[in-house]
């Protein structure tokens, strides 16, 4: 039994060694994108950034239109591959891709039409930003779907090629912002979206056969509803900081929050990069072995590894950030200390990768308990602390409150997952 335990541990370690090269490409790309995006802020004003941040907030709430179909596909596609039912897995693929294309068409049509109903004169950049979002959002949704179709080591090698080429593009496109300001900022998003979509299509891992298969769509819709509620609630929670800033302050402060938001994305970067390869592996293994204990163990391991990876990054950036911001982003000097606090928050945020355990095992009741706590904690704690200390820097108080909330949610997550039988 001891030898078997050692063998299992070795096998699990090899698994993390397997995903690490592909995760590394994803992390390098995301870091290049993050730092190039921060550099772009040198040539645009905080109030201009605030307008685009509002667009991103709108895009996050547009996620409800997916109705959990992609989330269900992300689970069922590798699960049925693990069971050896390749035909049904490919039927899910065709149906999900058809749905993705339909959503893209809806976004392209509806977003420009929204200007007929709301186009505030006091925000002259609003219309051009909405038109840019009408191009960026459809490309993002199709690219997000394409991410879910890479499942084997061979597939991930193709995905790595996409990421390497995108890494080479994100730095030069900063010139668009340097030359054209906010218009260049929007053009950069559009250009990178077109480039990424083109590369995903060129290096696609699965056949292109989109079609609506009604039984499979009904299945994905039904299985995706719990994940839809989960996804929608999490997107509402992600928008809380921006909503709180707009409630207590202004769009200019929301612009100052942009580099802080970039730092917060570090806490999502590591787990999302690992999760891109971890989640299909967990679903495949669960379809093959039906072992809840193994899924829970790997989920906690991935969370721990994500947090450990974050520690040296946080330590380096804590000291590097102030001189860099002062030298390159003088309009955002007020954001330095909130950005440093956001580094601490990003370590705790990395634990959220353990949420995959709920979706893989379909533990919906446990997931709803976690989400209920998440909704309450992430809303009440920031609102209460900022209300109690109105004279303090709103960004500092916001991040401190989010750190407290995240620590509480880690304890809730550990307790809830350990209660899975």
Protein backbone atom coordinates (compact mmCIF):
# COMPACT_ATOMS: atom_id res chain seq x y z
CA UNK A 1 0.00 0.00 0.00
CA UNK A 2 2.88 2.36 0.82
CA UNK A 3 4.47 1.72 -2.57
CA UNK A 4 1.13 2.39 -4.27
CA UNK A 5 0.78 5.70 -2.40
CA UNK A 6 4.27 6.75 -3.43
CA UNK A 7 3.52 5.74 -7.03
CA UNK A 8 0.32 7.81 -7.01
CA UNK A 9 2.19 10.82 -5.69
CA UNK A 10 4.81 10.43 -8.39
CA UNK A 11 2.09 10.14 -11.01
CA UNK A 12 0.39 13.28 -9.75
CA UNK A 13 3.69 15.15 -9.75
CA UNK A 14 4.29 14.05 -13.34
CA UNK A 15 0.86 15.43 -14.16
CA UNK A 16 1.85 18.87 -12.91
CA UNK A 17 5.12 18.54 -14.80
CA UNK A 18 3.09 17.76 -17.92
CA UNK A 19 0.91 20.86 -17.71
CA UNK A 20 3.69 23.22 -16.58
CA UNK A 21 5.31 23.80 -20.02
CA UNK A 22 1.97 24.74 -21.58
CA UNK A 23 0.93 26.79 -18.55
CA UNK A 24 4.27 28.61 -18.78
CA UNK A 25 3.50 29.81 -22.33
CA UNK A 26 0.11 31.05 -21.15
CA UNK A 27 1.62 32.83 -18.15
CA UNK A 28 4.37 34.48 -20.25
CA UNK A 29 1.77 35.74 -22.72
CA UNK A 30 -0.50 37.05 -19.96
CA UNK A 31 2.41 38.81 -18.24
CA UNK A 32 3.51 40.42 -21.53
CA UNK A 33 -0.07 41.53 -22.12
CA UNK A 34 -0.38 42.86 -18.57
CA UNK A 35 2.80 44.93 -18.61
CA UNK A 36 2.24 46.23 -22.14
CA UNK A 37 -1.29 47.27 -21.14
CA UNK A 38 0.11 49.13 -18.14
CA UNK A 39 2.61 50.90 -20.41
CA UNK A 40 -0.27 52.03 -22.63
CA UNK A 41 -1.62 54.05 -19.70
CA UNK A 42 1.32 56.43 -20.09
CA UNK A 43 -0.34 58.09 -23.10
CA UNK A 44 -3.99 58.20 -22.03
CA UNK A 45 -5.75 60.01 -19.21
CA UNK A 46 -7.42 58.33 -16.20
CA UNK A 47 -10.86 59.59 -17.27
CA UNK A 48 -10.35 58.01 -20.72
CA UNK A 49 -9.34 54.72 -19.12
CA UNK A 50 -12.45 55.00 -16.97
CA UNK A 51 -14.66 54.94 -20.08
CA UNK A 52 -13.06 51.71 -21.35
CA UNK A 53 -13.24 50.19 -17.88
CA UNK A 54 -16.97 50.87 -18.01
CA UNK A 55 -17.09 49.04 -21.37
CA UNK A 56 -15.33 46.07 -19.78
CA UNK A 57 -17.86 46.14 -16.96
CA UNK A 58 -20.65 46.01 -19.58
CA UNK A 59 -18.89 43.10 -21.31
CA UNK A 60 -18.63 41.18 -18.04
CA UNK A 61 -22.41 41.37 -17.56
CA UNK A 62 -22.96 40.28 -21.17
CA UNK A 63 -21.67 36.89 -20.02
CA UNK A 64 -25.21 36.01 -18.96
CA UNK A 65 -26.03 35.43 -22.64
CA UNK A 66 -23.96 32.22 -22.59
CA UNK A 67 -26.51 30.57 -20.27
CA UNK A 68 -23.81 28.20 -19.02
CA UNK A 69 -23.59 26.38 -22.37
CA UNK A 70 -19.82 26.87 -22.63
CA UNK A 71 -19.35 25.88 -19.00
CA UNK A 72 -21.28 22.66 -19.59
CA UNK A 73 -19.32 22.03 -22.80
CA UNK A 74 -16.06 22.55 -20.89
CA UNK A 75 -17.05 19.72 -18.58
CA UNK A 76 -18.90 17.34 -20.88
CA UNK A 77 -16.51 17.41 -23.86
CA UNK A 78 -13.46 16.00 -22.01
CA UNK A 79 -15.71 13.89 -19.75
CA UNK A 80 -17.16 11.94 -22.70
CA UNK A 81 -13.73 11.72 -24.30
CA UNK A 82 -12.57 10.12 -21.05
CA UNK A 83 -15.45 7.66 -21.25
CA UNK A 84 -14.45 6.82 -24.83
CA UNK A 85 -17.64 8.26 -26.38
CA UNK A 86 -15.88 10.38 -29.03
CA UNK A 87 -18.96 10.68 -31.25
CA UNK A 88 -21.05 12.38 -28.59
CA UNK A 89 -18.13 14.58 -27.55
CA UNK A 90 -17.88 15.87 -31.15
CA UNK A 91 -21.64 16.48 -31.24
CA UNK A 92 -21.22 18.72 -28.19
CA UNK A 93 -18.39 20.48 -30.02
CA UNK A 94 -20.50 21.19 -33.12
CA UNK A 95 -23.42 22.45 -31.05
CA UNK A 96 -21.34 24.69 -28.78
CA UNK A 97 -19.54 26.24 -31.76
CA UNK A 98 -22.85 26.96 -33.50
CA UNK A 99 -24.03 28.70 -30.32
CA UNK A 100 -20.79 30.71 -30.12
CA UNK A 101 -21.22 31.98 -33.68
CA UNK A 102 -24.83 32.98 -32.96
CA UNK A 103 -23.72 34.99 -29.93
CA UNK A 104 -21.05 36.75 -31.99
CA UNK A 105 -23.67 37.88 -34.52
CA UNK A 106 -25.99 39.11 -31.75
CA UNK A 107 -23.20 41.17 -30.15
CA UNK A 108 -22.14 42.76 -33.46
CA UNK A 109 -25.73 43.85 -34.15
CA UNK A 110 -27.01 44.81 -30.71
CA UNK A 111 -24.11 46.81 -29.28
CA UNK A 112 -24.13 49.53 -31.99
CA UNK A 113 -27.94 49.65 -31.78
CA UNK A 114 -27.64 50.42 -28.06
CA UNK A 115 -26.31 53.88 -29.02
CA UNK A 116 -29.81 54.74 -30.24
CA UNK A 117 -31.06 54.35 -26.65
CA UNK A 118 -28.09 55.54 -24.60
CA UNK A 119 -25.29 57.85 -25.79
CA UNK A 120 -24.45 60.36 -23.01
CA UNK A 121 -23.36 63.74 -24.37
CA UNK A 122 -21.19 64.35 -21.29
CA UNK A 123 -19.05 61.34 -22.28
CA UNK A 124 -17.87 62.10 -25.85
CA UNK A 125 -15.78 58.92 -26.01
CA UNK A 126 -18.79 56.72 -25.28
CA UNK A 127 -19.92 56.05 -28.87
CA UNK A 128 -16.47 55.16 -30.24
CA UNK A 129 -15.90 52.91 -27.22
CA UNK A 130 -19.19 51.07 -27.74
CA UNK A 131 -18.35 50.54 -31.43
CA UNK A 132 -14.94 49.17 -30.44
CA UNK A 133 -16.61 46.85 -27.92
CA UNK A 134 -18.96 45.66 -30.69
CA UNK A 135 -15.88 44.26 -32.46
CA UNK A 136 -13.86 43.16 -29.43
CA UNK A 137 -16.61 41.34 -27.48
CA UNK A 138 -17.57 38.89 -30.30
CA UNK A 139 -13.92 38.03 -30.90
CA UNK A 140 -13.42 37.46 -27.18
CA UNK A 141 -16.40 35.14 -26.90
CA UNK A 142 -15.34 33.04 -29.87
CA UNK A 143 -11.75 32.91 -28.62
CA UNK A 144 -12.98 31.83 -25.19
CA UNK A 145 -14.89 29.00 -26.84
CA UNK A 146 -11.83 27.98 -28.85
CA UNK A 147 -9.80 27.75 -25.62
CA UNK A 148 -12.11 24.96 -24.48
CA UNK A 149 -11.43 22.78 -27.54
CA UNK A 150 -7.77 22.06 -26.71
CA UNK A 151 -7.66 18.81 -24.75
CA UNK A 152 -4.59 16.64 -25.46
CA UNK A 153 -0.84 17.29 -25.24
CA UNK A 154 -0.82 17.64 -29.03
CA UNK A 155 -3.66 20.18 -28.83
CA UNK A 156 -1.88 22.16 -26.13
CA UNK A 157 1.25 22.27 -28.30
CA UNK A 158 -0.87 24.02 -30.95
CA UNK A 159 -2.25 26.40 -28.34
CA UNK A 160 1.31 27.18 -27.22
CA UNK A 161 2.10 28.28 -30.79
CA UNK A 162 -0.80 30.73 -30.62
CA UNK A 163 0.44 32.11 -27.30
CA UNK A 164 4.04 32.50 -28.47
CA UNK A 165 2.95 34.47 -31.53
CA UNK A 166 0.57 36.63 -29.51
CA UNK A 167 3.37 37.37 -27.03
CA UNK A 168 5.44 38.72 -29.92
CA UNK A 169 2.56 41.01 -30.95
CA UNK A 170 1.47 42.59 -27.66
CA UNK A 171 4.61 44.71 -27.17
CA UNK A 172 4.85 46.33 -30.67
CA UNK A 173 1.15 47.26 -30.62
CA UNK A 174 1.86 49.70 -27.79
CA UNK A 175 3.01 52.02 -30.60
CA UNK A 176 -0.63 52.46 -31.61
CA UNK A 177 -1.36 54.08 -28.25
CA UNK A 178 1.81 56.19 -28.41
CA UNK A 179 0.86 57.54 -31.84
CA UNK A 180 -2.93 57.83 -31.54
CA UNK A 181 -3.74 58.06 -27.83
CA UNK A 182 -7.14 56.70 -26.79
CA UNK A 183 -8.12 55.89 -30.39
CA UNK A 184 -4.91 53.86 -30.67
CA UNK A 185 -5.79 52.19 -27.36
CA UNK A 186 -9.07 50.97 -28.88
CA UNK A 187 -7.38 50.00 -32.16
CA UNK A 188 -4.88 47.91 -30.17
CA UNK A 189 -7.71 45.87 -28.63
CA UNK A 190 -9.26 45.35 -32.06
CA UNK A 191 -5.96 44.42 -33.74
CA UNK A 192 -5.00 41.95 -31.02
CA UNK A 193 -8.49 40.45 -31.17
CA UNK A 194 -8.26 39.91 -34.93
CA UNK A 195 -4.72 38.51 -34.63
CA UNK A 196 -5.69 36.09 -31.85
CA UNK A 197 -8.81 34.91 -33.66
CA UNK A 198 -6.83 34.33 -36.87
CA UNK A 199 -4.22 32.29 -35.01
CA UNK A 200 -6.84 30.24 -33.17
CA UNK A 201 -8.52 29.39 -36.48
CA UNK A 202 -5.19 28.52 -38.14
CA UNK A 203 -4.06 26.33 -35.22
CA UNK A 204 -7.49 24.94 -34.33
CA UNK A 205 -7.38 21.47 -32.76
CA UNK A 206 -10.84 20.22 -33.71
CA UNK A 207 -12.77 20.08 -37.02
CA UNK A 208 -14.95 23.06 -37.95
CA UNK A 209 -18.46 21.61 -38.20
CA UNK A 210 -20.82 23.99 -36.39
CA UNK A 211 -24.43 22.86 -36.41
CA UNK A 212 -27.36 22.89 -34.04
CA UNK A 213 -28.06 19.43 -32.64
CA UNK A 214 -31.19 20.03 -30.55
CA UNK A 215 -30.84 17.14 -28.05
CA UNK A 216 -27.22 18.09 -27.35
CA UNK A 217 -28.09 21.78 -27.04
CA UNK A 218 -30.89 20.96 -24.58
CA UNK A 219 -28.47 18.78 -22.63
CA UNK A 220 -25.80 21.51 -22.51
CA UNK A 221 -28.41 24.11 -21.58
CA UNK A 222 -29.82 21.93 -18.79
CA UNK A 223 -26.42 20.88 -17.42
CA UNK A 224 -25.12 24.40 -17.83
CA UNK A 225 -27.85 26.15 -15.82
CA UNK A 226 -26.15 25.60 -12.44
CA UNK A 227 -22.89 26.75 -14.02
CA UNK A 228 -24.72 29.69 -15.61
CA UNK A 229 -25.92 30.87 -12.20
CA UNK A 230 -22.42 30.34 -10.87
CA UNK A 231 -20.78 32.19 -13.75
CA UNK A 232 -23.25 35.06 -13.63
CA UNK A 233 -22.90 35.51 -9.87
CA UNK A 234 -19.12 35.48 -10.13
CA UNK A 235 -19.24 38.12 -12.86
CA UNK A 236 -21.52 40.25 -10.70
CA UNK A 237 -18.99 39.92 -7.87
CA UNK A 238 -16.08 40.83 -10.18
CA UNK A 239 -17.91 44.03 -11.05
CA UNK A 240 -18.49 45.06 -7.41
CA UNK A 241 -15.22 47.05 -7.04
CA UNK A 242 -16.00 49.16 -10.11
CA UNK A 243 -19.62 49.67 -9.03
CA UNK A 244 -18.50 50.69 -5.53
CA UNK A 245 -16.01 53.18 -6.98
CA UNK A 246 -18.67 54.73 -9.23
CA UNK A 247 -21.12 54.82 -6.29
CA UNK A 248 -18.74 56.53 -3.86
CA UNK A 249 -16.54 58.47 -6.29
CA UNK A 250 -16.12 59.20 -10.03
CA UNK A 251 -15.11 57.84 -13.43
CA UNK A 252 -11.67 59.46 -12.97
CA UNK A 253 -11.08 57.36 -9.86
CA UNK A 254 -12.30 54.36 -11.85
CA UNK A 255 -9.55 55.22 -14.32
CA UNK A 256 -7.01 55.29 -11.47
CA UNK A 257 -8.30 51.85 -10.52
CA UNK A 258 -7.25 50.48 -13.94
CA UNK A 259 -3.59 49.72 -13.01
CA UNK A 260 -4.84 48.28 -9.71
CA UNK A 261 -7.18 46.05 -11.69
CA UNK A 262 -4.22 44.99 -13.83
CA UNK A 263 -2.34 43.90 -10.72
CA UNK A 264 -5.42 42.07 -9.42
CA UNK A 265 -5.48 40.12 -12.68
CA UNK A 266 -2.20 38.54 -11.55
CA UNK A 267 -4.17 36.62 -8.96
CA UNK A 268 -6.37 35.31 -11.76
CA UNK A 269 -3.53 34.83 -14.24
CA UNK A 270 -1.78 31.92 -12.53
CA UNK A 271 -4.88 29.84 -11.66
CA UNK A 272 -6.57 30.54 -15.01
CA UNK A 273 -3.41 29.52 -16.89
CA UNK A 274 -3.14 26.30 -14.90
CA UNK A 275 -6.90 25.75 -15.03
CA UNK A 276 -6.88 25.90 -18.83
CA UNK A 277 -4.96 22.60 -18.76
CA UNK A 278 -6.03 21.29 -15.35
CA UNK A 279 -9.82 21.37 -15.83
CA UNK A 280 -9.99 19.14 -18.93
CA UNK A 281 -7.56 16.75 -17.24
CA UNK A 282 -9.73 16.57 -14.10
CA UNK A 283 -12.88 16.01 -16.19
CA UNK A 284 -11.15 13.36 -18.29
CA UNK A 285 -9.84 11.56 -15.19
CA UNK A 286 -13.23 11.71 -13.46
CA UNK A 287 -14.91 10.23 -16.54
CA UNK A 288 -12.28 7.50 -16.57
CA UNK A 289 -11.74 6.71 -12.85
CA UNK A 290 -14.79 8.18 -11.05
CA UNK A 291 -12.62 9.12 -8.04
CA UNK A 292 -13.84 12.14 -6.05
CA UNK A 293 -10.94 11.91 -3.63
CA UNK A 294 -8.40 12.30 -6.45
CA UNK A 295 -10.23 15.31 -7.89
CA UNK A 296 -10.36 17.06 -4.49
CA UNK A 297 -6.69 16.33 -3.82
CA UNK A 298 -5.58 17.69 -7.20
CA UNK A 299 -7.84 20.73 -6.79
CA UNK A 300 -6.21 21.68 -3.48
CA UNK A 301 -2.73 20.97 -4.88
CA UNK A 302 -3.36 23.28 -7.83
CA UNK A 303 -4.58 26.02 -5.47
CA UNK A 304 -1.51 25.68 -3.26
CA UNK A 305 0.85 25.69 -6.24
CA UNK A 306 -0.86 28.80 -7.65
CA UNK A 307 -0.34 30.68 -4.38
CA UNK A 308 3.30 29.58 -4.12
CA UNK A 309 4.01 30.76 -7.67
CA UNK A 310 2.54 34.15 -6.80
CA UNK A 311 4.86 34.78 -3.80
CA UNK A 312 8.13 35.56 -5.66
CA UNK A 313 6.20 37.61 -8.25
CA UNK A 314 4.65 39.69 -5.48
CA UNK A 315 7.98 40.19 -3.71
CA UNK A 316 9.71 41.43 -6.87
CA UNK A 317 6.88 43.70 -8.01
CA UNK A 318 6.37 45.24 -4.54
CA UNK A 319 9.75 46.98 -4.76
CA UNK A 320 9.85 47.40 -8.54
CA UNK A 321 6.46 49.00 -8.94
CA UNK A 322 6.92 52.48 -7.31
CA UNK A 323 9.92 53.67 -9.37
CA UNK A 324 8.46 52.22 -12.57
CA UNK A 325 5.07 53.90 -12.10
CA UNK A 326 6.69 57.24 -11.23
CA UNK A 327 8.92 57.06 -14.31
CA UNK A 328 6.47 55.76 -16.90
CA UNK A 329 2.95 56.44 -15.57
CA UNK A 330 3.09 59.81 -13.80
CA UNK A 331 -0.69 60.25 -14.15
CA UNK A 332 -1.20 57.17 -11.98
CA UNK A 333 1.13 57.88 -9.03
CA UNK A 334 -1.90 57.86 -6.71
CA UNK A 335 -2.43 54.22 -7.64
CA UNK A 336 0.97 52.96 -6.37
CA UNK A 337 0.05 51.95 -2.80
CA UNK A 338 -3.30 50.42 -3.83
CA UNK A 339 -1.38 48.45 -6.49
CA UNK A 340 1.03 47.14 -3.83
CA UNK A 341 -1.89 46.08 -1.65
CA UNK A 342 -3.44 44.43 -4.71
CA UNK A 343 -0.30 42.27 -4.96
CA UNK A 344 -1.10 40.83 -1.52
CA UNK A 345 -4.71 40.29 -2.55
CA UNK A 346 -3.60 38.47 -5.71
CA UNK A 347 -1.89 35.77 -3.62
CA UNK A 348 -5.15 34.92 -1.86
CA UNK A 349 -7.17 35.21 -5.08
CA UNK A 350 -5.01 32.46 -6.63
CA UNK A 351 -6.72 29.93 -4.32
CA UNK A 352 -9.92 30.26 -6.38
CA UNK A 353 -8.69 27.56 -8.75
CA UNK A 354 -10.06 25.08 -6.19
CA UNK A 355 -13.54 26.12 -7.41
CA UNK A 356 -13.00 23.67 -10.28
CA UNK A 357 -13.73 20.84 -7.84
CA UNK A 358 -17.40 21.89 -7.59
CA UNK A 359 -17.92 21.91 -11.37
CA UNK A 360 -16.07 18.66 -12.09
CA UNK A 361 -17.97 16.73 -9.40
CA UNK A 362 -21.27 18.55 -10.09
CA UNK A 363 -21.60 19.39 -6.41
CA UNK A 364 -24.15 22.10 -7.09
CA UNK A 365 -25.51 22.45 -3.54
CA UNK A 366 -21.99 22.94 -2.14
CA UNK A 367 -21.21 25.35 -4.97
CA UNK A 368 -24.29 27.46 -4.16
CA UNK A 369 -23.29 27.63 -0.50
CA UNK A 370 -19.88 28.93 -1.56
CA UNK A 371 -21.39 31.43 -4.01
CA UNK A 372 -23.88 32.66 -1.42
CA UNK A 373 -21.04 33.47 0.96
CA UNK A 374 -19.06 35.02 -1.91
CA UNK A 375 -21.89 37.36 -2.88
CA UNK A 376 -22.45 38.53 0.70
CA UNK A 377 -18.82 38.85 1.74
CA UNK A 378 -17.58 40.61 -1.42
CA UNK A 379 -20.45 43.12 -1.31
CA UNK A 380 -20.92 43.84 2.40
CA UNK A 381 -17.32 44.05 3.61
CA UNK A 382 -16.06 46.62 1.03
CA UNK A 383 -19.25 48.69 1.23
CA UNK A 384 -19.18 48.71 5.05
CA UNK A 385 -15.48 49.56 5.41
CA UNK A 386 -15.61 52.40 2.83
CA UNK A 387 -18.76 53.74 4.50
CA UNK A 388 -17.07 53.66 7.94
CA UNK A 389 -13.92 55.42 6.68
CA UNK A 390 -15.16 57.99 4.14
CA UNK A 391 -12.14 60.29 4.61
CA UNK A 392 -9.60 57.61 3.70
CA UNK A 393 -8.31 56.85 0.20
CA UNK A 394 -11.14 54.90 -1.42
CA UNK A 395 -8.83 52.64 -3.44
CA UNK A 396 -6.76 51.72 -0.37
CA UNK A 397 -9.86 50.96 1.70
CA UNK A 398 -11.34 48.96 -1.17
CA UNK A 399 -8.32 46.68 -1.53
CA UNK A 400 -7.93 46.18 2.24
CA UNK A 401 -11.60 45.16 2.44
CA UNK A 402 -11.14 42.76 -0.48
CA UNK A 403 -8.15 41.14 1.25
CA UNK A 404 -10.29 40.49 4.34
CA UNK A 405 -13.10 39.14 2.15
CA UNK A 406 -10.75 36.83 0.21
CA UNK A 407 -9.26 35.32 3.39
CA UNK A 408 -12.78 34.56 4.61
CA UNK A 409 -13.64 32.95 1.26
CA UNK A 410 -10.56 30.69 1.38
CA UNK A 411 -11.76 29.33 4.73
CA UNK A 412 -15.27 28.87 3.30
CA UNK A 413 -13.86 27.10 0.24
CA UNK A 414 -11.72 24.67 2.26
CA UNK A 415 -14.58 23.86 4.63
CA UNK A 416 -17.15 23.37 1.85
CA UNK A 417 -14.93 21.19 -0.36
CA UNK A 418 -13.85 18.99 2.57
CA UNK A 419 -17.53 18.28 3.28
CA UNK A 420 -17.96 16.69 -0.17
CA UNK A 421 -18.68 12.98 0.34
